[in-house]
Amino acid sequence: LMKWGATLEPVSAGEMVFSRSLFG
């Protein structure tokens, strides 16, 4: 899902880490 989101729009590694922790 993180990879899919990054293929649709620019998503930084920091945003991925933040999303993983915030919603997890």
PDBML (XML) file of the C-alpha atoms, coordinates in Angstrom:
<?xml version="1.0" encoding="UTF-8" ?>
<PDBx:datablock datablockName="MODEL"
   xmlns:PDBx="http://pdbml.pdb.org/schema/pdbx-v50.xsd"
   xmlns:xsi="http://www.w3.org/2001/XMLSchema-instance"
   xsi:schemaLocation="http://pdbml.pdb.org/schema/pdbx-v50.xsd pdbx-v50.xsd">
   <PDBx:atom_siteCategory>
      <PDBx:atom_site id="1">
         <PDBx:B_iso_or_equiv>0.00</PDBx:B_iso_or_equiv>
         <PDBx:Cartn_x>0.000</PDBx:Cartn_x>
         <PDBx:Cartn_y>0.000</PDBx:Cartn_y>
         <PDBx:Cartn_z>0.000</PDBx:Cartn_z>
         <PDBx:auth_asym_id>A</PDBx:auth_asym_id>
         <PDBx:auth_atom_id>CA</PDBx:auth_atom_id>
         <PDBx:auth_comp_id>LEU</PDBx:auth_comp_id>
         <PDBx:auth_seq_id>1</PDBx:auth_seq_id>
         <PDBx:group_PDB>ATOM</PDBx:group_PDB>
         <PDBx:label_alt_id xsi:nil="true" />
         <PDBx:label_asym_id>A</PDBx:label_asym_id>
         <PDBx:label_atom_id>CA</PDBx:label_atom_id>
         <PDBx:label_comp_id>LEU</PDBx:label_comp_id>
         <PDBx:label_entity_id>1</PDBx:label_entity_id>
         <PDBx:label_seq_id>1</PDBx:label_seq_id>
         <PDBx:occupancy>1.00</PDBx:occupancy>
         <PDBx:pdbx_PDB_model_num>1</PDBx:pdbx_PDB_model_num>
         <PDBx:type_symbol>C</PDBx:type_symbol>
      </PDBx:atom_site>
      <PDBx:atom_site id="2">
         <PDBx:B_iso_or_equiv>0.00</PDBx:B_iso_or_equiv>
         <PDBx:Cartn_x>2.849</PDBx:Cartn_x>
         <PDBx:Cartn_y>2.399</PDBx:Cartn_y>
         <PDBx:Cartn_z>0.784</PDBx:Cartn_z>
         <PDBx:auth_asym_id>A</PDBx:auth_asym_id>
         <PDBx:auth_atom_id>CA</PDBx:auth_atom_id>
         <PDBx:auth_comp_id>MET</PDBx:auth_comp_id>
         <PDBx:auth_seq_id>2</PDBx:auth_seq_id>
         <PDBx:group_PDB>ATOM</PDBx:group_PDB>
         <PDBx:label_alt_id xsi:nil="true" />
         <PDBx:label_asym_id>A</PDBx:label_asym_id>
         <PDBx:label_atom_id>CA</PDBx:label_atom_id>
         <PDBx:label_comp_id>MET</PDBx:label_comp_id>
         <PDBx:label_entity_id>1</PDBx:label_entity_id>
         <PDBx:label_seq_id>2</PDBx:label_seq_id>
         <PDBx:occupancy>1.00</PDBx:occupancy>
         <PDBx:pdbx_PDB_model_num>1</PDBx:pdbx_PDB_model_num>
         <PDBx:type_symbol>C</PDBx:type_symbol>
      </PDBx:atom_site>
      <PDBx:atom_site id="3">
         <PDBx:B_iso_or_equiv>0.00</PDBx:B_iso_or_equiv>
         <PDBx:Cartn_x>4.466</PDBx:Cartn_x>
         <PDBx:Cartn_y>1.603</PDBx:Cartn_y>
         <PDBx:Cartn_z>-2.573</PDBx:Cartn_z>
         <PDBx:auth_asym_id>A</PDBx:auth_asym_id>
         <PDBx:auth_atom_id>CA</PDBx:auth_atom_id>
         <PDBx:auth_comp_id>LYS</PDBx:auth_comp_id>
         <PDBx:auth_seq_id>3</PDBx:auth_seq_id>
         <PDBx:group_PDB>ATOM</PDBx:group_PDB>
         <PDBx:label_alt_id xsi:nil="true" />
         <PDBx:label_asym_id>A</PDBx:label_asym_id>
         <PDBx:label_atom_id>CA</PDBx:label_atom_id>
         <PDBx:label_comp_id>LYS</PDBx:label_comp_id>
         <PDBx:label_entity_id>1</PDBx:label_entity_id>
         <PDBx:label_seq_id>3</PDBx:label_seq_id>
         <PDBx:occupancy>1.00</PDBx:occupancy>
         <PDBx:pdbx_PDB_model_num>1</PDBx:pdbx_PDB_model_num>
         <PDBx:type_symbol>C</PDBx:type_symbol>
      </PDBx:atom_site>
      <PDBx:atom_site id="4">
         <PDBx:B_iso_or_equiv>0.00</PDBx:B_iso_or_equiv>
         <PDBx:Cartn_x>1.132</PDBx:Cartn_x>
         <PDBx:Cartn_y>1.976</PDBx:Cartn_y>
         <PDBx:Cartn_z>-4.367</PDBx:Cartn_z>
         <PDBx:auth_asym_id>A</PDBx:auth_asym_id>
         <PDBx:auth_atom_id>CA</PDBx:auth_atom_id>
         <PDBx:auth_comp_id>TRP</PDBx:auth_comp_id>
         <PDBx:auth_seq_id>4</PDBx:auth_seq_id>
         <PDBx:group_PDB>ATOM</PDBx:group_PDB>
         <PDBx:label_alt_id xsi:nil="true" />
         <PDBx:label_asym_id>A</PDBx:label_asym_id>
         <PDBx:label_atom_id>CA</PDBx:label_atom_id>
         <PDBx:label_comp_id>TRP</PDBx:label_comp_id>
         <PDBx:label_entity_id>1</PDBx:label_entity_id>
         <PDBx:label_seq_id>4</PDBx:label_seq_id>
         <PDBx:occupancy>1.00</PDBx:occupancy>
         <PDBx:pdbx_PDB_model_num>1</PDBx:pdbx_PDB_model_num>
         <PDBx:type_symbol>C</PDBx:type_symbol>
      </PDBx:atom_site>
      <PDBx:atom_site id="5">
         <PDBx:B_iso_or_equiv>0.00</PDBx:B_iso_or_equiv>
         <PDBx:Cartn_x>0.540</PDBx:Cartn_x>
         <PDBx:Cartn_y>5.390</PDBx:Cartn_y>
         <PDBx:Cartn_z>-2.827</PDBx:Cartn_z>
         <PDBx:auth_asym_id>A</PDBx:auth_asym_id>
         <PDBx:auth_atom_id>CA</PDBx:auth_atom_id>
         <PDBx:auth_comp_id>GLY</PDBx:auth_comp_id>
         <PDBx:auth_seq_id>5</PDBx:auth_seq_id>
         <PDBx:group_PDB>ATOM</PDBx:group_PDB>
         <PDBx:label_alt_id xsi:nil="true" />
         <PDBx:label_asym_id>A</PDBx:label_asym_id>
         <PDBx:label_atom_id>CA</PDBx:label_atom_id>
         <PDBx:label_comp_id>GLY</PDBx:label_comp_id>
         <PDBx:label_entity_id>1</PDBx:label_entity_id>
         <PDBx:label_seq_id>5</PDBx:label_seq_id>
         <PDBx:occupancy>1.00</PDBx:occupancy>
         <PDBx:pdbx_PDB_model_num>1</PDBx:pdbx_PDB_model_num>
         <PDBx:type_symbol>C</PDBx:type_symbol>
      </PDBx:atom_site>
      <PDBx:atom_site id="6">
         <PDBx:B_iso_or_equiv>0.00</PDBx:B_iso_or_equiv>
         <PDBx:Cartn_x>4.051</PDBx:Cartn_x>
         <PDBx:Cartn_y>6.476</PDBx:Cartn_y>
         <PDBx:Cartn_z>-3.845</PDBx:Cartn_z>
         <PDBx:auth_asym_id>A</PDBx:auth_asym_id>
         <PDBx:auth_atom_id>CA</PDBx:auth_atom_id>
         <PDBx:auth_comp_id>ALA</PDBx:auth_comp_id>
         <PDBx:auth_seq_id>6</PDBx:auth_seq_id>
         <PDBx:group_PDB>ATOM</PDBx:group_PDB>
         <PDBx:label_alt_id xsi:nil="true" />
         <PDBx:label_asym_id>A</PDBx:label_asym_id>
         <PDBx:label_atom_id>CA</PDBx:label_atom_id>
         <PDBx:label_comp_id>ALA</PDBx:label_comp_id>
         <PDBx:label_entity_id>1</PDBx:label_entity_id>
         <PDBx:label_seq_id>6</PDBx:label_seq_id>
         <PDBx:occupancy>1.00</PDBx:occupancy>
         <PDBx:pdbx_PDB_model_num>1</PDBx:pdbx_PDB_model_num>
         <PDBx:type_symbol>C</PDBx:type_symbol>
      </PDBx:atom_site>
      <PDBx:atom_site id="7">
         <PDBx:B_iso_or_equiv>0.00</PDBx:B_iso_or_equiv>
         <PDBx:Cartn_x>3.402</PDBx:Cartn_x>
         <PDBx:Cartn_y>5.474</PDBx:Cartn_y>
         <PDBx:Cartn_z>-7.463</PDBx:Cartn_z>
         <PDBx:auth_asym_id>A</PDBx:auth_asym_id>
         <PDBx:auth_atom_id>CA</PDBx:auth_atom_id>
         <PDBx:auth_comp_id>THR</PDBx:auth_comp_id>
         <PDBx:auth_seq_id>7</PDBx:auth_seq_id>
         <PDBx:group_PDB>ATOM</PDBx:group_PDB>
         <PDBx:label_alt_id xsi:nil="true" />
         <PDBx:label_asym_id>A</PDBx:label_asym_id>
         <PDBx:label_atom_id>CA</PDBx:label_atom_id>
         <PDBx:label_comp_id>THR</PDBx:label_comp_id>
         <PDBx:label_entity_id>1</PDBx:label_entity_id>
         <PDBx:label_seq_id>7</PDBx:label_seq_id>
         <PDBx:occupancy>1.00</PDBx:occupancy>
         <PDBx:pdbx_PDB_model_num>1</PDBx:pdbx_PDB_model_num>
         <PDBx:type_symbol>C</PDBx:type_symbol>
      </PDBx:atom_site>
      <PDBx:atom_site id="8">
         <PDBx:B_iso_or_equiv>0.00</PDBx:B_iso_or_equiv>
         <PDBx:Cartn_x>0.256</PDBx:Cartn_x>
         <PDBx:Cartn_y>7.611</PDBx:Cartn_y>
         <PDBx:Cartn_z>-7.622</PDBx:Cartn_z>
         <PDBx:auth_asym_id>A</PDBx:auth_asym_id>
         <PDBx:auth_atom_id>CA</PDBx:auth_atom_id>
         <PDBx:auth_comp_id>LEU</PDBx:auth_comp_id>
         <PDBx:auth_seq_id>8</PDBx:auth_seq_id>
         <PDBx:group_PDB>ATOM</PDBx:group_PDB>
         <PDBx:label_alt_id xsi:nil="true" />
         <PDBx:label_asym_id>A</PDBx:label_asym_id>
         <PDBx:label_atom_id>CA</PDBx:label_atom_id>
         <PDBx:label_comp_id>LEU</PDBx:label_comp_id>
         <PDBx:label_entity_id>1</PDBx:label_entity_id>
         <PDBx:label_seq_id>8</PDBx:label_seq_id>
         <PDBx:occupancy>1.00</PDBx:occupancy>
         <PDBx:pdbx_PDB_model_num>1</PDBx:pdbx_PDB_model_num>
         <PDBx:type_symbol>C</PDBx:type_symbol>
      </PDBx:atom_site>
      <PDBx:atom_site id="9">
         <PDBx:B_iso_or_equiv>0.00</PDBx:B_iso_or_equiv>
         <PDBx:Cartn_x>1.743</PDBx:Cartn_x>
         <PDBx:Cartn_y>10.751</PDBx:Cartn_y>
         <PDBx:Cartn_z>-6.044</PDBx:Cartn_z>
         <PDBx:auth_asym_id>A</PDBx:auth_asym_id>
         <PDBx:auth_atom_id>CA</PDBx:auth_atom_id>
         <PDBx:auth_comp_id>GLU</PDBx:auth_comp_id>
         <PDBx:auth_seq_id>9</PDBx:auth_seq_id>
         <PDBx:group_PDB>ATOM</PDBx:group_PDB>
         <PDBx:label_alt_id xsi:nil="true" />
         <PDBx:label_asym_id>A</PDBx:label_asym_id>
         <PDBx:label_atom_id>CA</PDBx:label_atom_id>
         <PDBx:label_comp_id>GLU</PDBx:label_comp_id>
         <PDBx:label_entity_id>1</PDBx:label_entity_id>
         <PDBx:label_seq_id>9</PDBx:label_seq_id>
         <PDBx:occupancy>1.00</PDBx:occupancy>
         <PDBx:pdbx_PDB_model_num>1</PDBx:pdbx_PDB_model_num>
         <PDBx:type_symbol>C</PDBx:type_symbol>
      </PDBx:atom_site>
      <PDBx:atom_site id="10">
         <PDBx:B_iso_or_equiv>0.00</PDBx:B_iso_or_equiv>
         <PDBx:Cartn_x>5.134</PDBx:Cartn_x>
         <PDBx:Cartn_y>11.741</PDBx:Cartn_y>
         <PDBx:Cartn_z>-4.582</PDBx:Cartn_z>
         <PDBx:auth_asym_id>A</PDBx:auth_asym_id>
         <PDBx:auth_atom_id>CA</PDBx:auth_atom_id>
         <PDBx:auth_comp_id>PRO</PDBx:auth_comp_id>
         <PDBx:auth_seq_id>10</PDBx:auth_seq_id>
         <PDBx:group_PDB>ATOM</PDBx:group_PDB>
         <PDBx:label_alt_id xsi:nil="true" />
         <PDBx:label_asym_id>A</PDBx:label_asym_id>
         <PDBx:label_atom_id>CA</PDBx:label_atom_id>
         <PDBx:label_comp_id>PRO</PDBx:label_comp_id>
         <PDBx:label_entity_id>1</PDBx:label_entity_id>
         <PDBx:label_seq_id>10</PDBx:label_seq_id>
         <PDBx:occupancy>1.00</PDBx:occupancy>
         <PDBx:pdbx_PDB_model_num>1</PDBx:pdbx_PDB_model_num>
         <PDBx:type_symbol>C</PDBx:type_symbol>
      </PDBx:atom_site>
      <PDBx:atom_site id="11">
         <PDBx:B_iso_or_equiv>0.00</PDBx:B_iso_or_equiv>
         <PDBx:Cartn_x>5.343</PDBx:Cartn_x>
         <PDBx:Cartn_y>10.305</PDBx:Cartn_y>
         <PDBx:Cartn_z>-1.049</PDBx:Cartn_z>
         <PDBx:auth_asym_id>A</PDBx:auth_asym_id>
         <PDBx:auth_atom_id>CA</PDBx:auth_atom_id>
         <PDBx:auth_comp_id>VAL</PDBx:auth_comp_id>
         <PDBx:auth_seq_id>11</PDBx:auth_seq_id>
         <PDBx:group_PDB>ATOM</PDBx:group_PDB>
         <PDBx:label_alt_id xsi:nil="true" />
         <PDBx:label_asym_id>A</PDBx:label_asym_id>
         <PDBx:label_atom_id>CA</PDBx:label_atom_id>
         <PDBx:label_comp_id>VAL</PDBx:label_comp_id>
         <PDBx:label_entity_id>1</PDBx:label_entity_id>
         <PDBx:label_seq_id>11</PDBx:label_seq_id>
         <PDBx:occupancy>1.00</PDBx:occupancy>
         <PDBx:pdbx_PDB_model_num>1</PDBx:pdbx_PDB_model_num>
         <PDBx:type_symbol>C</PDBx:type_symbol>
      </PDBx:atom_site>
      <PDBx:atom_site id="12">
         <PDBx:B_iso_or_equiv>0.00</PDBx:B_iso_or_equiv>
         <PDBx:Cartn_x>8.516</PDBx:Cartn_x>
         <PDBx:Cartn_y>10.747</PDBx:Cartn_y>
         <PDBx:Cartn_z>1.005</PDBx:Cartn_z>
         <PDBx:auth_asym_id>A</PDBx:auth_asym_id>
         <PDBx:auth_atom_id>CA</PDBx:auth_atom_id>
         <PDBx:auth_comp_id>SER</PDBx:auth_comp_id>
         <PDBx:auth_seq_id>12</PDBx:auth_seq_id>
         <PDBx:group_PDB>ATOM</PDBx:group_PDB>
         <PDBx:label_alt_id xsi:nil="true" />
         <PDBx:label_asym_id>A</PDBx:label_asym_id>
         <PDBx:label_atom_id>CA</PDBx:label_atom_id>
         <PDBx:label_comp_id>SER</PDBx:label_comp_id>
         <PDBx:label_entity_id>1</PDBx:label_entity_id>
         <PDBx:label_seq_id>12</PDBx:label_seq_id>
         <PDBx:occupancy>1.00</PDBx:occupancy>
         <PDBx:pdbx_PDB_model_num>1</PDBx:pdbx_PDB_model_num>
         <PDBx:type_symbol>C</PDBx:type_symbol>
      </PDBx:atom_site>
      <PDBx:atom_site id="13">
         <PDBx:B_iso_or_equiv>0.00</PDBx:B_iso_or_equiv>
         <PDBx:Cartn_x>9.989</PDBx:Cartn_x>
         <PDBx:Cartn_y>8.122</PDBx:Cartn_y>
         <PDBx:Cartn_z>3.294</PDBx:Cartn_z>
         <PDBx:auth_asym_id>A</PDBx:auth_asym_id>
         <PDBx:auth_atom_id>CA</PDBx:auth_atom_id>
         <PDBx:auth_comp_id>ALA</PDBx:auth_comp_id>
         <PDBx:auth_seq_id>13</PDBx:auth_seq_id>
         <PDBx:group_PDB>ATOM</PDBx:group_PDB>
         <PDBx:label_alt_id xsi:nil="true" />
         <PDBx:label_asym_id>A</PDBx:label_asym_id>
         <PDBx:label_atom_id>CA</PDBx:label_atom_id>
         <PDBx:label_comp_id>ALA</PDBx:label_comp_id>
         <PDBx:label_entity_id>1</PDBx:label_entity_id>
         <PDBx:label_seq_id>13</PDBx:label_seq_id>
         <PDBx:occupancy>1.00</PDBx:occupancy>
         <PDBx:pdbx_PDB_model_num>1</PDBx:pdbx_PDB_model_num>
         <PDBx:type_symbol>C</PDBx:type_symbol>
      </PDBx:atom_site>
      <PDBx:atom_site id="14">
         <PDBx:B_iso_or_equiv>0.00</PDBx:B_iso_or_equiv>
         <PDBx:Cartn_x>9.223</PDBx:Cartn_x>
         <PDBx:Cartn_y>10.401</PDBx:Cartn_y>
         <PDBx:Cartn_z>6.257</PDBx:Cartn_z>
         <PDBx:auth_asym_id>A</PDBx:auth_asym_id>
         <PDBx:auth_atom_id>CA</PDBx:auth_atom_id>
         <PDBx:auth_comp_id>GLY</PDBx:auth_comp_id>
         <PDBx:auth_seq_id>14</PDBx:auth_seq_id>
         <PDBx:group_PDB>ATOM</PDBx:group_PDB>
         <PDBx:label_alt_id xsi:nil="true" />
         <PDBx:label_asym_id>A</PDBx:label_asym_id>
         <PDBx:label_atom_id>CA</PDBx:label_atom_id>
         <PDBx:label_comp_id>GLY</PDBx:label_comp_id>
         <PDBx:label_entity_id>1</PDBx:label_entity_id>
         <PDBx:label_seq_id>14</PDBx:label_seq_id>
         <PDBx:occupancy>1.00</PDBx:occupancy>
         <PDBx:pdbx_PDB_model_num>1</PDBx:pdbx_PDB_model_num>
         <PDBx:type_symbol>C</PDBx:type_symbol>
      </PDBx:atom_site>
      <PDBx:atom_site id="15">
         <PDBx:B_iso_or_equiv>0.00</PDBx:B_iso_or_equiv>
         <PDBx:Cartn_x>5.552</PDBx:Cartn_x>
         <PDBx:Cartn_y>10.507</PDBx:Cartn_y>
         <PDBx:Cartn_z>5.288</PDBx:Cartn_z>
         <PDBx:auth_asym_id>A</PDBx:auth_asym_id>
         <PDBx:auth_atom_id>CA</PDBx:auth_atom_id>
         <PDBx:auth_comp_id>GLU</PDBx:auth_comp_id>
         <PDBx:auth_seq_id>15</PDBx:auth_seq_id>
         <PDBx:group_PDB>ATOM</PDBx:group_PDB>
         <PDBx:label_alt_id xsi:nil="true" />
         <PDBx:label_asym_id>A</PDBx:label_asym_id>
         <PDBx:label_atom_id>CA</PDBx:label_atom_id>
         <PDBx:label_comp_id>GLU</PDBx:label_comp_id>
         <PDBx:label_entity_id>1</PDBx:label_entity_id>
         <PDBx:label_seq_id>15</PDBx:label_seq_id>
         <PDBx:occupancy>1.00</PDBx:occupancy>
         <PDBx:pdbx_PDB_model_num>1</PDBx:pdbx_PDB_model_num>
         <PDBx:type_symbol>C</PDBx:type_symbol>
      </PDBx:atom_site>
      <PDBx:atom_site id="16">
         <PDBx:B_iso_or_equiv>0.00</PDBx:B_iso_or_equiv>
         <PDBx:Cartn_x>5.497</PDBx:Cartn_x>
         <PDBx:Cartn_y>6.702</PDBx:Cartn_y>
         <PDBx:Cartn_z>5.077</PDBx:Cartn_z>
         <PDBx:auth_asym_id>A</PDBx:auth_asym_id>
         <PDBx:auth_atom_id>CA</PDBx:auth_atom_id>
         <PDBx:auth_comp_id>MET</PDBx:auth_comp_id>
         <PDBx:auth_seq_id>16</PDBx:auth_seq_id>
         <PDBx:group_PDB>ATOM</PDBx:group_PDB>
         <PDBx:label_alt_id xsi:nil="true" />
         <PDBx:label_asym_id>A</PDBx:label_asym_id>
         <PDBx:label_atom_id>CA</PDBx:label_atom_id>
         <PDBx:label_comp_id>MET</PDBx:label_comp_id>
         <PDBx:label_entity_id>1</PDBx:label_entity_id>
         <PDBx:label_seq_id>16</PDBx:label_seq_id>
         <PDBx:occupancy>1.00</PDBx:occupancy>
         <PDBx:pdbx_PDB_model_num>1</PDBx:pdbx_PDB_model_num>
         <PDBx:type_symbol>C</PDBx:type_symbol>
      </PDBx:atom_site>
      <PDBx:atom_site id="17">
         <PDBx:B_iso_or_equiv>0.00</PDBx:B_iso_or_equiv>
         <PDBx:Cartn_x>7.006</PDBx:Cartn_x>
         <PDBx:Cartn_y>6.384</PDBx:Cartn_y>
         <PDBx:Cartn_z>8.558</PDBx:Cartn_z>
         <PDBx:auth_asym_id>A</PDBx:auth_asym_id>
         <PDBx:auth_atom_id>CA</PDBx:auth_atom_id>
         <PDBx:auth_comp_id>VAL</PDBx:auth_comp_id>
         <PDBx:auth_seq_id>17</PDBx:auth_seq_id>
         <PDBx:group_PDB>ATOM</PDBx:group_PDB>
         <PDBx:label_alt_id xsi:nil="true" />
         <PDBx:label_asym_id>A</PDBx:label_asym_id>
         <PDBx:label_atom_id>CA</PDBx:label_atom_id>
         <PDBx:label_comp_id>VAL</PDBx:label_comp_id>
         <PDBx:label_entity_id>1</PDBx:label_entity_id>
         <PDBx:label_seq_id>17</PDBx:label_seq_id>
         <PDBx:occupancy>1.00</PDBx:occupancy>
         <PDBx:pdbx_PDB_model_num>1</PDBx:pdbx_PDB_model_num>
         <PDBx:type_symbol>C</PDBx:type_symbol>
      </PDBx:atom_site>
      <PDBx:atom_site id="18">
         <PDBx:B_iso_or_equiv>0.00</PDBx:B_iso_or_equiv>
         <PDBx:Cartn_x>4.570</PDBx:Cartn_x>
         <PDBx:Cartn_y>8.943</PDBx:Cartn_y>
         <PDBx:Cartn_z>9.946</PDBx:Cartn_z>
         <PDBx:auth_asym_id>A</PDBx:auth_asym_id>
         <PDBx:auth_atom_id>CA</PDBx:auth_atom_id>
         <PDBx:auth_comp_id>PHE</PDBx:auth_comp_id>
         <PDBx:auth_seq_id>18</PDBx:auth_seq_id>
         <PDBx:group_PDB>ATOM</PDBx:group_PDB>
         <PDBx:label_alt_id xsi:nil="true" />
         <PDBx:label_asym_id>A</PDBx:label_asym_id>
         <PDBx:label_atom_id>CA</PDBx:label_atom_id>
         <PDBx:label_comp_id>PHE</PDBx:label_comp_id>
         <PDBx:label_entity_id>1</PDBx:label_entity_id>
         <PDBx:label_seq_id>18</PDBx:label_seq_id>
         <PDBx:occupancy>1.00</PDBx:occupancy>
         <PDBx:pdbx_PDB_model_num>1</PDBx:pdbx_PDB_model_num>
         <PDBx:type_symbol>C</PDBx:type_symbol>
      </PDBx:atom_site>
      <PDBx:atom_site id="19">
         <PDBx:B_iso_or_equiv>0.00</PDBx:B_iso_or_equiv>
         <PDBx:Cartn_x>1.555</PDBx:Cartn_x>
         <PDBx:Cartn_y>7.195</PDBx:Cartn_y>
         <PDBx:Cartn_z>8.373</PDBx:Cartn_z>
         <PDBx:auth_asym_id>A</PDBx:auth_asym_id>
         <PDBx:auth_atom_id>CA</PDBx:auth_atom_id>
         <PDBx:auth_comp_id>SER</PDBx:auth_comp_id>
         <PDBx:auth_seq_id>19</PDBx:auth_seq_id>
         <PDBx:group_PDB>ATOM</PDBx:group_PDB>
         <PDBx:label_alt_id xsi:nil="true" />
         <PDBx:label_asym_id>A</PDBx:label_asym_id>
         <PDBx:label_atom_id>CA</PDBx:label_atom_id>
         <PDBx:label_comp_id>SER</PDBx:label_comp_id>
         <PDBx:label_entity_id>1</PDBx:label_entity_id>
         <PDBx:label_seq_id>19</PDBx:label_seq_id>
         <PDBx:occupancy>1.00</PDBx:occupancy>
         <PDBx:pdbx_PDB_model_num>1</PDBx:pdbx_PDB_model_num>
         <PDBx:type_symbol>C</PDBx:type_symbol>
      </PDBx:atom_site>
      <PDBx:atom_site id="20">
         <PDBx:B_iso_or_equiv>0.00</PDBx:B_iso_or_equiv>
         <PDBx:Cartn_x>2.702</PDBx:Cartn_x>
         <PDBx:Cartn_y>3.811</PDBx:Cartn_y>
         <PDBx:Cartn_z>9.651</PDBx:Cartn_z>
         <PDBx:auth_asym_id>A</PDBx:auth_asym_id>
         <PDBx:auth_atom_id>CA</PDBx:auth_atom_id>
         <PDBx:auth_comp_id>ARG</PDBx:auth_comp_id>
         <PDBx:auth_seq_id>20</PDBx:auth_seq_id>
         <PDBx:group_PDB>ATOM</PDBx:group_PDB>
         <PDBx:label_alt_id xsi:nil="true" />
         <PDBx:label_asym_id>A</PDBx:label_asym_id>
         <PDBx:label_atom_id>CA</PDBx:label_atom_id>
         <PDBx:label_comp_id>ARG</PDBx:label_comp_id>
         <PDBx:label_entity_id>1</PDBx:label_entity_id>
         <PDBx:label_seq_id>20</PDBx:label_seq_id>
         <PDBx:occupancy>1.00</PDBx:occupancy>
         <PDBx:pdbx_PDB_model_num>1</PDBx:pdbx_PDB_model_num>
         <PDBx:type_symbol>C</PDBx:type_symbol>
      </PDBx:atom_site>
      <PDBx:atom_site id="21">
         <PDBx:B_iso_or_equiv>0.00</PDBx:B_iso_or_equiv>
         <PDBx:Cartn_x>3.047</PDBx:Cartn_x>
         <PDBx:Cartn_y>5.062</PDBx:Cartn_y>
         <PDBx:Cartn_z>13.219</PDBx:Cartn_z>
         <PDBx:auth_asym_id>A</PDBx:auth_asym_id>
         <PDBx:auth_atom_id>CA</PDBx:auth_atom_id>
         <PDBx:auth_comp_id>SER</PDBx:auth_comp_id>
         <PDBx:auth_seq_id>21</PDBx:auth_seq_id>
         <PDBx:group_PDB>ATOM</PDBx:group_PDB>
         <PDBx:label_alt_id xsi:nil="true" />
         <PDBx:label_asym_id>A</PDBx:label_asym_id>
         <PDBx:label_atom_id>CA</PDBx:label_atom_id>
         <PDBx:label_comp_id>SER</PDBx:label_comp_id>
         <PDBx:label_entity_id>1</PDBx:label_entity_id>
         <PDBx:label_seq_id>21</PDBx:label_seq_id>
         <PDBx:occupancy>1.00</PDBx:occupancy>
         <PDBx:pdbx_PDB_model_num>1</PDBx:pdbx_PDB_model_num>
         <PDBx:type_symbol>C</PDBx:type_symbol>
      </PDBx:atom_site>
      <PDBx:atom_site id="22">
         <PDBx:B_iso_or_equiv>0.00</PDBx:B_iso_or_equiv>
         <PDBx:Cartn_x>0.096</PDBx:Cartn_x>
         <PDBx:Cartn_y>7.471</PDBx:Cartn_y>
         <PDBx:Cartn_z>13.333</PDBx:Cartn_z>
         <PDBx:auth_asym_id>A</PDBx:auth_asym_id>
         <PDBx:auth_atom_id>CA</PDBx:auth_atom_id>
         <PDBx:auth_comp_id>LEU</PDBx:auth_comp_id>
         <PDBx:auth_seq_id>22</PDBx:auth_seq_id>
         <PDBx:group_PDB>ATOM</PDBx:group_PDB>
         <PDBx:label_alt_id xsi:nil="true" />
         <PDBx:label_asym_id>A</PDBx:label_asym_id>
         <PDBx:label_atom_id>CA</PDBx:label_atom_id>
         <PDBx:label_comp_id>LEU</PDBx:label_comp_id>
         <PDBx:label_entity_id>1</PDBx:label_entity_id>
         <PDBx:label_seq_id>22</PDBx:label_seq_id>
         <PDBx:occupancy>1.00</PDBx:occupancy>
         <PDBx:pdbx_PDB_model_num>1</PDBx:pdbx_PDB_model_num>
         <PDBx:type_symbol>C</PDBx:type_symbol>
      </PDBx:atom_site>
      <PDBx:atom_site id="23">
         <PDBx:B_iso_or_equiv>0.00</PDBx:B_iso_or_equiv>
         <PDBx:Cartn_x>-2.504</PDBx:Cartn_x>
         <PDBx:Cartn_y>5.012</PDBx:Cartn_y>
         <PDBx:Cartn_z>12.033</PDBx:Cartn_z>
         <PDBx:auth_asym_id>A</PDBx:auth_asym_id>
         <PDBx:auth_atom_id>CA</PDBx:auth_atom_id>
         <PDBx:auth_comp_id>PHE</PDBx:auth_comp_id>
         <PDBx:auth_seq_id>23</PDBx:auth_seq_id>
         <PDBx:group_PDB>ATOM</PDBx:group_PDB>
         <PDBx:label_alt_id xsi:nil="true" />
         <PDBx:label_asym_id>A</PDBx:label_asym_id>
         <PDBx:label_atom_id>CA</PDBx:label_atom_id>
         <PDBx:label_comp_id>PHE</PDBx:label_comp_id>
         <PDBx:label_entity_id>1</PDBx:label_entity_id>
         <PDBx:label_seq_id>23</PDBx:label_seq_id>
         <PDBx:occupancy>1.00</PDBx:occupancy>
         <PDBx:pdbx_PDB_model_num>1</PDBx:pdbx_PDB_model_num>
         <PDBx:type_symbol>C</PDBx:type_symbol>
      </PDBx:atom_site>
      <PDBx:atom_site id="24">
         <PDBx:B_iso_or_equiv>0.00</PDBx:B_iso_or_equiv>
         <PDBx:Cartn_x>-0.882</PDBx:Cartn_x>
         <PDBx:Cartn_y>1.949</PDBx:Cartn_y>
         <PDBx:Cartn_z>13.593</PDBx:Cartn_z>
         <PDBx:auth_asym_id>A</PDBx:auth_asym_id>
         <PDBx:auth_atom_id>CA</PDBx:auth_atom_id>
         <PDBx:auth_comp_id>GLY</PDBx:auth_comp_id>
         <PDBx:auth_seq_id>24</PDBx:auth_seq_id>
         <PDBx:group_PDB>ATOM</PDBx:group_PDB>
         <PDBx:label_alt_id xsi:nil="true" />
         <PDBx:label_asym_id>A</PDBx:label_asym_id>
         <PDBx:label_atom_id>CA</PDBx:label_atom_id>
         <PDBx:label_comp_id>GLY</PDBx:label_comp_id>
         <PDBx:label_entity_id>1</PDBx:label_entity_id>
         <PDBx:label_seq_id>24</PDBx:label_seq_id>
         <PDBx:occupancy>1.00</PDBx:occupancy>
         <PDBx:pdbx_PDB_model_num>1</PDBx:pdbx_PDB_model_num>
         <PDBx:type_symbol>C</PDBx:type_symbol>
      </PDBx:atom_site>
   </PDBx:atom_siteCategory>
</PDBx:datablock>
